[in-house]
Amino acid sequence: MGRSNRFWRRMIVLGIATIVLAVFGTSFSMAQDAPTLESLSTEIQGMKASIDTSWVLLTGFLVFFMQCGFAMLETGLIRQTSVVNALLENFIDAGLTGLCWWAVGFGVAFGTSSGGLFGTDNFFLNGALTFGADGVEYARFGALNISVLTFFFFQFAFAATASTITTGSMAERTDFIGDLIYSAVIALVIYPVVVHWVWGGGWLATNLGFHDFAGSNVVHTVGGVVALVGAIMIGPRKGRIGANGEWLPLPKPHNMALATIGTMILWFGWYGFNPGSTLGAIGYDGLMGLTVLNTTLGASIAACVALLFVFARTGKWDLPAALNGSLAGLVAVTAGCGFIAPLPAVIIGFVAGFIVILVAELIDKLRIDDPVGAFAVHGACGIWGIIAVGLFAQPQLLFSGPFAAGGEYAGQGGLFITGDLNLLIAQLIGSGSTIVWCAVTSVVMFGALKAVGRLRVNRVADEIGIDVYEHGATAWPDVLPIGEDGKVAAVGAGD
């Protein structure tokens, strides 16, 4: 009993001593380092910047991962003899775009505006960070909570997507050096000029009130139009024109498993593409949720519509139709994902599901060889997405996000929501201007490559396969081995 009492007395004393030390220690600490309103404000701003930076980088990583999706999709939809070429083009395009975007493209897109047409400074990111006596200072991008360096990476991932779209429409017959040249020109000039018009303080957004939340126009219309011009100017692949000049059907995709994996990666990456375009997490929680929902609804309905549309006409459940349908819905809803309510997202995706099938068929009837349907998915549905903003935009949402447009028509809402035509007019002018710019510059670019013999690969590649001719390799050595004469010794059924 005595031992028990002594134990409890010791515990009480220890408890009292702990409380006293805690009280006096806290008081001493507060007296030594009492926080001020200014220091608390600085700390909160630092936390906001860290959270926004983490969000933008995370979503940028997802967008960059879409490069893998594009590579898998294109590889699956083309023939076995062109797989290595497609993989290398998709891979090196990202690396080349990174250098071009750092050196020139980012400055053209987001530098100080020259008449609303293009940027004129911050080339090589020379204004992004400075080294002084007090350490390193990282410049912020405008009024955002992220640095120029963080913003650069996010926009680089977008730029890489724009140039990659073109490789699919010109697959299996593009000269490799020609691919490097046109990818560089897209990243240096064609794409960043449109970015400046819309997101960089240029004339479309500032003067006209043009809206594109995440890139149906800036990324997809640009990529789709350049892809269409390229496919026209390079001509069809061998095997598309018969002995009597008749137009033959598209060759069967050689690996639908790869194409399906690629599409799923692209859909996954789109959850960085659209929600990441808030360029911050603080204060955008509702908007982020809206963009995710609209992205999901647009892709879902378009995939179902495209699948059912083809089934109704052929009696077959067509996997490529479902894959391209989902991408069509994603492209179409990208422009308005932060500006529209969920029901219009369903309507936009519903229409896109028909557009992608009908436009792909039209392109083929015009005897244009587009192996992956790049224009149908990105060009046609990107244009539809921009028009849809002019039809369905909620005026209360037009001021959402970091690139809320100004101009005479800002905040007036879509035609079907407010009865006002002004926003639709602005959207049509913006889309038309982008199409004309990309078409003209693409004709000049591809025309110059064709003139110097760097657009289409040597005709020998049509006989032995572009993989063997350009790279001396095959992705399937057990199916398509290279013989001693440097040619493919056997051709699989997928050729």
Protein backbone atom coordinates (compact mmCIF):
# COMPACT_ATOMS: atom_id res chain seq x y z
CA MET A 1 0.00 0.00 0.00
CA GLY A 2 2.86 2.38 0.88
CA ARG A 3 4.60 1.71 -2.38
CA SER A 4 1.39 2.44 -4.29
CA ASN A 5 0.92 5.81 -2.53
CA ARG A 6 4.51 6.83 -3.23
CA PHE A 7 4.07 5.92 -6.90
CA TRP A 8 0.99 8.09 -7.29
CA ARG A 9 2.56 11.01 -5.40
CA ARG A 10 5.50 10.91 -7.79
CA MET A 11 3.20 10.84 -10.80
CA ILE A 12 1.26 13.88 -9.56
CA VAL A 13 4.48 15.83 -8.96
CA LEU A 14 5.78 14.95 -12.41
CA GLY A 15 2.45 16.01 -13.96
CA ILE A 16 2.49 19.38 -12.17
CA ALA A 17 6.11 19.97 -13.17
CA THR A 18 5.31 19.14 -16.80
CA ILE A 19 2.42 21.64 -16.82
CA VAL A 20 4.55 24.38 -15.27
CA LEU A 21 7.36 23.85 -17.75
CA ALA A 22 4.94 23.82 -20.64
CA VAL A 23 3.28 27.09 -19.55
CA PHE A 24 6.51 28.94 -18.83
CA GLY A 25 8.24 27.47 -21.88
CA THR A 26 5.43 28.55 -24.20
CA SER A 27 5.36 32.03 -22.65
CA PHE A 28 9.11 32.35 -23.06
CA SER A 29 8.94 31.14 -26.67
CA MET A 30 6.15 33.59 -27.50
CA ALA A 31 8.02 36.42 -25.86
CA GLN A 32 11.14 35.57 -27.82
CA ASP A 33 9.45 35.05 -31.24
CA ALA A 34 5.93 36.50 -31.23
CA PRO A 35 4.44 36.28 -34.73
CA THR A 36 3.30 39.50 -36.38
CA LEU A 37 0.51 40.00 -38.88
CA GLU A 38 3.11 40.68 -41.53
CA SER A 39 5.01 37.47 -40.87
CA LEU A 40 1.80 35.45 -40.77
CA SER A 41 0.72 36.97 -44.09
CA THR A 42 4.07 36.12 -45.65
CA GLU A 43 3.85 32.57 -44.37
CA ILE A 44 0.32 32.12 -45.72
CA GLN A 45 1.34 33.49 -49.11
CA GLY A 46 4.25 31.06 -49.15
CA MET A 47 1.90 28.17 -48.41
CA LYS A 48 -0.44 29.29 -51.19
CA ALA A 49 2.43 29.48 -53.65
CA SER A 50 3.65 26.02 -52.64
CA ILE A 51 0.19 24.47 -53.06
CA ASP A 52 -0.43 26.17 -56.41
CA THR A 53 3.03 25.21 -57.65
CA SER A 54 2.52 21.58 -56.64
CA TRP A 55 -0.84 21.50 -58.42
CA VAL A 56 0.45 23.01 -61.67
CA LEU A 57 3.51 20.77 -61.75
CA LEU A 58 1.47 17.65 -61.01
CA THR A 59 -1.00 18.40 -63.79
CA GLY A 60 1.87 19.34 -66.09
CA PHE A 61 3.39 15.92 -65.48
CA LEU A 62 0.07 14.35 -66.52
CA VAL A 63 -0.02 16.42 -69.71
CA PHE A 64 3.54 15.41 -70.54
CA PHE A 65 2.60 11.76 -69.99
CA MET A 66 0.14 12.21 -72.86
CA GLN A 67 3.19 11.99 -75.15
CA CYS A 68 3.28 8.30 -74.28
CA GLY A 69 -0.41 8.05 -75.10
CA PHE A 70 0.04 9.65 -78.51
CA ALA A 71 2.95 7.31 -79.26
CA MET A 72 1.00 4.19 -78.30
CA LEU A 73 -2.15 5.29 -80.15
CA GLU A 74 -0.32 6.13 -83.37
CA THR A 75 1.83 3.01 -83.20
CA GLY A 76 -1.22 0.79 -82.78
CA LEU A 77 -3.16 2.34 -85.66
CA ILE A 78 -0.41 2.12 -88.30
CA ARG A 79 1.31 -0.85 -89.96
CA GLN A 80 4.01 -3.05 -88.48
CA THR A 81 6.72 -1.77 -90.82
CA SER A 82 6.53 1.79 -89.43
CA VAL A 83 6.48 1.28 -85.65
CA VAL A 84 10.08 2.28 -84.86
CA ASN A 85 9.74 5.43 -86.95
CA ALA A 86 6.53 6.47 -85.20
CA LEU A 87 7.96 5.85 -81.74
CA LEU A 88 11.13 7.82 -82.43
CA GLU A 89 9.25 10.73 -83.99
CA ASN A 90 6.91 11.01 -81.01
CA PHE A 91 9.77 10.72 -78.55
CA ILE A 92 12.20 13.15 -80.13
CA ASP A 93 9.46 15.69 -80.85
CA ALA A 94 9.11 16.20 -77.11
CA GLY A 95 12.83 16.78 -76.66
CA LEU A 96 13.12 19.10 -79.63
CA THR A 97 10.05 21.07 -78.58
CA GLY A 98 11.50 21.52 -75.10
CA LEU A 99 14.58 23.25 -76.49
CA CYS A 100 12.67 25.37 -79.01
CA TRP A 101 10.06 26.39 -76.44
CA TRP A 102 12.80 27.46 -74.00
CA ALA A 103 14.79 29.39 -76.59
CA VAL A 104 12.06 31.21 -78.53
CA GLY A 105 8.55 29.75 -78.30
CA PHE A 106 7.76 30.75 -74.71
CA GLY A 107 8.89 34.32 -75.37
CA VAL A 108 6.76 34.59 -78.51
CA ALA A 109 3.78 33.22 -76.59
CA PHE A 110 4.07 35.12 -73.30
CA GLY A 111 6.56 37.91 -73.78
CA THR A 112 5.68 41.61 -73.87
CA SER A 113 3.07 41.97 -76.60
CA SER A 114 3.80 43.69 -79.89
CA GLY A 115 0.44 44.96 -81.12
CA GLY A 116 -1.32 41.91 -79.70
CA LEU A 117 0.35 39.68 -82.31
CA PHE A 118 3.38 38.10 -80.61
CA GLY A 119 5.69 38.41 -77.60
CA THR A 120 9.03 40.16 -77.85
CA ASP A 121 11.07 39.21 -74.78
CA ASN A 122 11.87 36.54 -72.16
CA PHE A 123 13.65 34.42 -74.74
CA PHE A 124 15.80 31.69 -73.17
CA LEU A 125 13.80 32.50 -70.00
CA ASN A 126 16.24 35.31 -69.29
CA GLY A 127 13.78 37.07 -66.98
CA ALA A 128 12.77 34.01 -65.00
CA LEU A 129 15.40 34.14 -62.28
CA THR A 130 18.12 36.46 -61.06
CA PHE A 131 21.13 35.86 -58.83
CA GLY A 132 21.84 38.66 -56.35
CA ALA A 133 23.72 39.27 -53.13
CA ASP A 134 20.70 38.09 -51.13
CA GLY A 135 20.31 34.85 -53.07
CA VAL A 136 18.10 33.71 -55.94
CA GLU A 137 14.93 35.52 -56.92
CA TYR A 138 12.34 33.60 -58.96
CA ALA A 139 10.01 35.76 -61.02
CA ARG A 140 6.30 35.06 -60.75
CA PHE A 141 4.12 34.77 -63.81
CA GLY A 142 1.83 37.80 -63.68
CA ALA A 143 -0.49 37.79 -60.70
CA LEU A 144 -0.36 34.00 -60.28
CA ASN A 145 1.11 32.24 -57.28
CA ILE A 146 3.51 30.25 -59.46
CA SER A 147 6.90 31.12 -60.86
CA VAL A 148 7.68 31.68 -64.52
CA LEU A 149 9.70 28.45 -64.43
CA THR A 150 6.71 26.43 -63.24
CA PHE A 151 4.44 28.04 -65.80
CA PHE A 152 7.03 27.36 -68.51
CA PHE A 153 6.96 23.63 -67.85
CA PHE A 154 3.16 23.43 -67.90
CA GLN A 155 3.03 25.30 -71.21
CA PHE A 156 5.87 23.23 -72.66
CA ALA A 157 3.77 20.10 -72.13
CA PHE A 158 0.99 21.75 -74.15
CA ALA A 159 3.39 22.78 -76.91
CA ALA A 160 4.71 19.23 -77.20
CA THR A 161 1.14 18.00 -77.67
CA ALA A 162 0.49 20.39 -80.56
CA SER A 163 3.46 19.21 -82.62
CA THR A 164 2.82 15.53 -81.88
CA ILE A 165 -0.68 15.67 -83.38
CA THR A 166 0.86 16.28 -86.81
CA THR A 167 3.03 13.16 -86.79
CA GLY A 168 -0.02 10.89 -86.79
CA SER A 169 -1.57 12.32 -89.94
CA MET A 170 1.76 12.02 -91.82
CA ALA A 171 2.76 8.65 -90.39
CA GLU A 172 4.70 6.04 -92.38
CA ARG A 173 6.03 8.34 -95.09
CA THR A 174 7.68 11.44 -93.59
CA ASP A 175 11.40 12.08 -93.98
CA PHE A 176 12.88 12.00 -90.48
CA ILE A 177 14.88 15.21 -90.91
CA GLY A 178 11.74 16.80 -92.33
CA ASP A 179 9.87 15.74 -89.18
CA LEU A 180 12.50 17.43 -87.01
CA ILE A 181 12.32 20.62 -89.05
CA TYR A 182 8.53 20.97 -89.08
CA SER A 183 8.30 20.12 -85.37
CA ALA A 184 10.79 22.89 -84.62
CA VAL A 185 8.92 25.42 -86.76
CA ILE A 186 5.64 24.58 -85.03
CA ALA A 187 7.23 25.10 -81.59
CA LEU A 188 9.12 28.24 -82.59
CA VAL A 189 6.52 30.14 -84.61
CA ILE A 190 3.19 28.61 -85.61
CA TYR A 191 1.94 27.43 -82.22
CA PRO A 192 3.28 30.20 -79.91
CA VAL A 193 1.74 32.98 -82.03
CA VAL A 194 -1.73 31.49 -81.48
CA VAL A 195 -0.94 31.04 -77.78
CA HIS A 196 -0.12 34.75 -77.57
CA TRP A 197 -3.36 35.73 -79.31
CA VAL A 198 -5.43 33.81 -76.75
CA TRP A 199 -3.47 33.36 -73.49
CA GLY A 200 -0.56 35.78 -73.78
CA GLY A 201 -2.36 39.12 -73.83
CA GLY A 202 -2.93 39.10 -77.59
CA TRP A 203 -5.69 40.55 -79.71
CA LEU A 204 -8.17 37.67 -79.69
CA ALA A 205 -8.70 37.64 -75.94
CA THR A 206 -7.93 41.25 -75.07
CA ASN A 207 -9.75 43.02 -77.89
CA LEU A 208 -12.36 40.51 -78.96
CA GLY A 209 -13.26 38.56 -75.83
CA PHE A 210 -12.36 35.16 -77.30
CA HIS A 211 -12.50 32.26 -74.80
CA ASP A 212 -10.61 28.97 -74.80
CA PHE A 213 -10.22 27.53 -71.31
CA ALA A 214 -7.71 24.75 -71.99
CA GLY A 215 -6.89 24.60 -75.67
CA SER A 216 -9.52 23.34 -78.15
CA ASN A 217 -8.35 26.17 -80.38
CA VAL A 218 -4.84 26.90 -79.13
CA VAL A 219 -3.66 23.28 -79.11
CA HIS A 220 -6.06 21.09 -81.05
CA THR A 221 -7.22 23.31 -83.89
CA VAL A 222 -3.59 24.31 -84.47
CA GLY A 223 -2.41 20.71 -84.47
CA GLY A 224 -5.35 19.49 -86.54
CA VAL A 225 -5.03 22.11 -89.29
CA VAL A 226 -1.27 21.65 -89.59
CA ALA A 227 -1.84 17.88 -89.69
CA LEU A 228 -4.40 18.20 -92.50
CA VAL A 229 -2.15 20.41 -94.63
CA GLY A 230 0.74 18.03 -94.04
CA ALA A 231 -1.29 14.97 -95.04
CA ILE A 232 -2.44 16.68 -98.24
CA MET A 233 1.00 17.89 -99.28
CA ILE A 234 2.90 14.71 -98.48
CA GLY A 235 0.46 12.49 -100.39
CA PRO A 236 -0.91 9.04 -99.52
CA ARG A 237 1.01 6.00 -98.38
CA LYS A 238 1.80 3.18 -100.74
CA GLY A 239 -1.16 0.85 -100.92
CA ARG A 240 -3.84 3.57 -100.85
CA ILE A 241 -4.04 3.88 -104.66
CA GLY A 242 -4.82 0.78 -106.72
CA ALA A 243 -3.47 -0.29 -110.09
CA ASN A 244 -6.31 1.49 -111.90
CA GLY A 245 -6.08 4.64 -109.79
CA GLU A 246 -8.89 3.66 -107.44
CA TRP A 247 -8.77 4.77 -103.80
CA LEU A 248 -8.30 1.75 -101.55
CA PRO A 249 -9.52 1.42 -97.93
CA LEU A 250 -7.35 2.31 -94.97
CA PRO A 251 -4.94 -0.49 -93.99
CA LYS A 252 -6.05 -2.32 -90.88
CA PRO A 253 -4.40 -1.17 -87.61
CA HIS A 254 -1.73 -3.65 -86.65
CA ASN A 255 -2.16 -3.59 -82.85
CA MET A 256 -5.42 -2.42 -81.29
CA ALA A 257 -4.14 -3.27 -77.81
CA LEU A 258 -1.48 -0.55 -78.11
CA ALA A 259 -4.03 1.87 -79.54
CA THR A 260 -6.39 1.21 -76.63
CA ILE A 261 -3.64 1.67 -74.04
CA GLY A 262 -2.63 4.90 -75.74
CA THR A 263 -6.18 6.23 -75.67
CA MET A 264 -6.61 5.40 -72.00
CA ILE A 265 -3.36 7.22 -71.24
CA LEU A 266 -4.59 10.25 -73.18
CA TRP A 267 -7.90 10.28 -71.31
CA PHE A 268 -6.00 10.02 -68.03
CA GLY A 269 -3.65 12.82 -69.08
CA TRP A 270 -6.60 15.05 -69.92
CA TYR A 271 -7.28 15.28 -66.18
CA GLY A 272 -4.12 17.35 -66.11
CA PHE A 273 -4.84 19.15 -69.37
CA ASN A 274 -8.18 20.66 -68.33
CA PRO A 275 -8.21 21.00 -64.52
CA GLY A 276 -4.56 22.08 -64.57
CA SER A 277 -5.51 25.06 -66.71
CA THR A 278 -6.82 26.78 -63.58
CA LEU A 279 -3.06 27.32 -62.98
CA GLY A 280 -3.64 27.13 -59.27
CA ALA A 281 -5.48 25.20 -56.56
CA ILE A 282 -6.16 27.92 -53.98
CA GLY A 283 -9.58 29.42 -54.62
CA TYR A 284 -10.33 27.16 -57.58
CA ASP A 285 -11.71 24.10 -55.78
CA GLY A 286 -15.19 24.38 -57.32
CA LEU A 287 -13.84 25.23 -60.76
CA MET A 288 -11.42 22.28 -60.67
CA GLY A 289 -14.30 19.93 -59.86
CA LEU A 290 -16.39 21.38 -62.67
CA THR A 291 -13.64 20.90 -65.25
CA VAL A 292 -13.09 17.31 -64.15
CA LEU A 293 -16.81 16.53 -64.40
CA ASN A 294 -17.23 18.19 -67.79
CA THR A 295 -14.12 16.43 -69.12
CA THR A 296 -15.48 13.07 -68.00
CA LEU A 297 -18.96 13.64 -69.41
CA GLY A 298 -17.70 14.87 -72.78
CA ALA A 299 -15.44 11.87 -73.30
CA SER A 300 -17.97 9.35 -72.04
CA ILE A 301 -20.90 10.38 -74.22
CA ALA A 302 -18.76 10.84 -77.34
CA ALA A 303 -17.28 7.35 -77.04
CA CYS A 304 -20.74 5.81 -76.71
CA VAL A 305 -22.23 7.85 -79.55
CA ALA A 306 -19.40 7.05 -81.98
CA LEU A 307 -19.59 3.35 -81.14
CA LEU A 308 -23.39 3.21 -81.58
CA PHE A 309 -23.29 5.33 -84.75
CA VAL A 310 -20.88 2.96 -86.46
CA PHE A 311 -22.81 -0.10 -85.22
CA ALA A 312 -26.05 1.30 -86.62
CA ARG A 313 -24.42 1.62 -90.04
CA THR A 314 -22.30 -1.55 -90.16
CA GLY A 315 -23.72 -3.95 -87.60
CA LYS A 316 -20.27 -4.25 -86.02
CA TRP A 317 -18.99 -3.01 -82.65
CA ASP A 318 -15.98 -1.00 -83.78
CA LEU A 319 -13.17 -0.43 -81.27
CA PRO A 320 -11.35 2.34 -83.21
CA ALA A 321 -14.63 4.27 -83.39
CA ALA A 322 -15.00 4.17 -79.61
CA LEU A 323 -11.38 5.19 -79.07
CA ASN A 324 -11.47 8.15 -81.45
CA GLY A 325 -14.94 9.02 -80.15
CA SER A 326 -13.63 9.46 -76.61
CA LEU A 327 -10.79 11.66 -77.87
CA ALA A 328 -13.24 13.70 -79.94
CA GLY A 329 -15.32 14.40 -76.85
CA LEU A 330 -12.23 15.34 -74.86
CA VAL A 331 -11.04 17.75 -77.55
CA ALA A 332 -14.46 19.36 -77.98
CA VAL A 333 -15.11 19.95 -74.28
CA THR A 334 -11.63 21.33 -73.59
CA ALA A 335 -12.44 24.89 -74.68
CA GLY A 336 -15.51 25.21 -72.48
CA CYS A 337 -14.81 22.84 -69.59
CA GLY A 338 -14.51 25.77 -67.16
CA PHE A 339 -17.19 27.92 -68.79
CA ILE A 340 -20.18 25.59 -69.10
CA ALA A 341 -22.58 23.59 -66.93
CA PRO A 342 -22.51 19.76 -67.04
CA LEU A 343 -25.54 19.31 -69.36
CA PRO A 344 -23.95 21.32 -72.19
CA ALA A 345 -20.81 19.19 -71.76
CA VAL A 346 -22.94 16.15 -72.56
CA ILE A 347 -24.43 17.89 -75.60
CA ILE A 348 -20.98 18.95 -76.84
CA GLY A 349 -19.64 15.41 -76.48
CA PHE A 350 -22.76 13.97 -78.11
CA VAL A 351 -22.26 16.08 -81.24
CA ALA A 352 -18.51 15.37 -81.28
CA GLY A 353 -19.23 11.64 -81.43
CA PHE A 354 -20.93 12.12 -84.79
CA ILE A 355 -18.49 14.72 -86.08
CA VAL A 356 -15.41 12.53 -85.67
CA ILE A 357 -16.89 9.66 -87.71
CA LEU A 358 -18.39 11.81 -90.46
CA VAL A 359 -15.32 14.02 -90.89
CA ALA A 360 -12.98 11.02 -90.97
CA GLU A 361 -15.09 9.54 -93.75
CA LEU A 362 -15.13 12.86 -95.62
CA ILE A 363 -11.34 13.17 -95.41
CA ASP A 364 -10.98 9.68 -96.81
CA LYS A 365 -13.45 10.38 -99.64
CA LEU A 366 -11.34 13.41 -100.55
CA ARG A 367 -8.44 10.94 -100.98
CA ILE A 368 -6.47 12.39 -98.09
CA ASP A 369 -4.55 9.71 -96.21
CA ASP A 370 -4.79 10.43 -92.47
CA PRO A 371 -3.84 7.14 -90.76
CA VAL A 372 -5.01 8.10 -87.26
CA GLY A 373 -7.84 10.52 -88.05
CA ALA A 374 -5.88 13.46 -86.64
CA PHE A 375 -7.91 16.18 -88.32
CA ALA A 376 -11.26 14.55 -87.54
CA VAL A 377 -10.37 14.29 -83.84
CA HIS A 378 -8.34 17.42 -83.20
CA GLY A 379 -9.18 19.82 -86.01
CA ALA A 380 -12.91 19.32 -86.58
CA CYS A 381 -13.77 18.69 -82.93
CA GLY A 382 -11.49 21.50 -81.78
CA ILE A 383 -13.39 23.91 -84.03
CA TRP A 384 -16.71 22.54 -82.74
CA GLY A 385 -15.54 23.03 -79.14
CA ILE A 386 -14.78 26.71 -79.77
CA ILE A 387 -18.17 27.27 -81.42
CA ALA A 388 -19.85 25.48 -78.51
CA VAL A 389 -18.47 28.03 -76.05
CA GLY A 390 -20.31 30.70 -78.03
CA LEU A 391 -23.48 28.64 -77.66
CA PHE A 392 -23.40 27.32 -74.10
CA ALA A 393 -21.07 29.50 -71.97
CA GLN A 394 -22.46 30.66 -68.64
CA PRO A 395 -21.77 34.38 -68.17
CA GLN A 396 -21.08 33.79 -64.46
CA LEU A 397 -18.26 31.40 -65.39
CA LEU A 398 -16.59 33.50 -68.09
CA PHE A 399 -14.53 35.30 -65.48
CA SER A 400 -13.19 32.03 -64.05
CA GLY A 401 -9.56 31.00 -64.29
CA PRO A 402 -6.36 32.94 -64.94
CA PHE A 403 -7.03 33.80 -68.60
CA ALA A 404 -10.45 35.39 -68.33
CA ALA A 405 -10.80 37.38 -71.51
CA GLY A 406 -11.61 41.06 -71.71
CA GLY A 407 -12.91 43.01 -74.64
CA GLU A 408 -16.31 44.21 -75.72
CA TYR A 409 -17.92 40.77 -75.57
CA ALA A 410 -16.49 39.53 -72.26
CA GLY A 411 -18.95 37.97 -69.84
CA GLN A 412 -21.96 38.09 -72.17
CA GLY A 413 -22.56 34.34 -72.27
CA GLY A 414 -23.48 31.85 -74.97
CA LEU A 415 -26.31 32.23 -77.46
CA PHE A 416 -28.43 29.43 -75.99
CA ILE A 417 -27.92 30.73 -72.44
CA THR A 418 -28.37 34.49 -72.83
CA GLY A 419 -29.70 34.92 -76.37
CA ASP A 420 -26.69 37.10 -77.18
CA LEU A 421 -24.79 36.54 -80.45
CA ASN A 422 -21.69 38.55 -79.55
CA LEU A 423 -19.68 35.78 -77.89
CA LEU A 424 -20.46 33.36 -80.71
CA ILE A 425 -19.23 35.95 -83.22
CA ALA A 426 -16.00 36.37 -81.25
CA GLN A 427 -15.51 32.60 -81.17
CA LEU A 428 -16.07 32.26 -84.91
CA ILE A 429 -13.63 35.06 -85.70
CA GLY A 430 -11.01 33.57 -83.39
CA SER A 431 -11.35 30.07 -84.80
CA GLY A 432 -11.31 31.34 -88.38
CA SER A 433 -8.22 33.45 -87.75
CA THR A 434 -6.42 30.47 -86.24
CA ILE A 435 -7.33 28.24 -89.19
CA VAL A 436 -6.09 30.79 -91.72
CA TRP A 437 -2.81 31.41 -89.83
CA CYS A 438 -2.05 27.70 -89.47
CA ALA A 439 -3.06 26.83 -93.02
CA VAL A 440 -0.94 29.56 -94.62
CA THR A 441 2.15 28.98 -92.50
CA SER A 442 1.84 25.21 -92.94
CA VAL A 443 1.65 25.48 -96.72
CA VAL A 444 4.81 27.61 -96.69
CA MET A 445 6.59 25.27 -94.27
CA PHE A 446 5.69 21.98 -95.97
CA GLY A 447 6.14 23.54 -99.40
CA ALA A 448 9.71 24.53 -98.53
CA LEU A 449 10.43 21.02 -97.21
CA LYS A 450 8.99 19.49 -100.35
CA ALA A 451 11.08 21.79 -102.55
CA VAL A 452 14.33 20.65 -100.91
CA GLY A 453 13.32 16.97 -100.87
CA ARG A 454 12.82 16.72 -97.12
CA LEU A 455 9.07 16.20 -96.82
CA ARG A 456 8.51 12.65 -98.01
CA VAL A 457 10.90 9.82 -97.38
CA ASN A 458 12.68 8.25 -100.35
CA ARG A 459 10.44 5.98 -102.44
CA VAL A 460 12.70 3.06 -101.61
CA ALA A 461 11.15 3.18 -98.13
CA ASP A 462 7.80 2.25 -99.68
CA GLU A 463 9.34 -1.02 -100.83
CA ILE A 464 11.41 -2.06 -97.82
CA GLY A 465 9.54 -0.22 -95.05
CA ILE A 466 10.34 3.10 -93.42
CA ASP A 467 11.67 1.45 -90.26
CA VAL A 468 14.34 -0.39 -92.22
CA TYR A 469 15.10 2.50 -94.56
CA GLU A 470 15.32 5.30 -91.95
CA HIS A 471 16.46 3.38 -88.88
CA GLY A 472 17.75 -0.02 -89.91
CA ALA A 473 15.50 -1.56 -87.30
CA THR A 474 12.23 -3.36 -86.74
CA ALA A 475 10.06 -3.38 -83.64
CA TRP A 476 9.09 -7.01 -84.27
CA PRO A 477 12.30 -8.95 -85.14
CA ASP A 478 10.53 -12.26 -84.62
CA VAL A 479 7.75 -11.31 -87.06
CA LEU A 480 9.52 -8.90 -89.40
CA PRO A 481 13.21 -9.86 -89.36
CA ILE A 482 15.67 -7.85 -91.43
CA GLY A 483 17.42 -10.01 -94.00
CA GLU A 484 21.05 -9.86 -95.14
CA ASP A 485 20.05 -7.58 -98.01
CA GLY A 486 18.77 -5.01 -95.52
CA LYS A 487 15.15 -5.66 -96.35
CA VAL A 488 12.35 -7.11 -94.25
CA ALA A 489 12.54 -10.86 -94.89
CA ALA A 490 8.93 -11.60 -94.07
CA VAL A 491 5.83 -9.49 -93.82
CA GLY A 492 3.19 -10.26 -91.23
CA ALA A 493 -0.52 -10.28 -91.82
CA GLY A 494 -0.83 -6.80 -90.35
CA ASP A 495 1.07 -5.18 -93.22
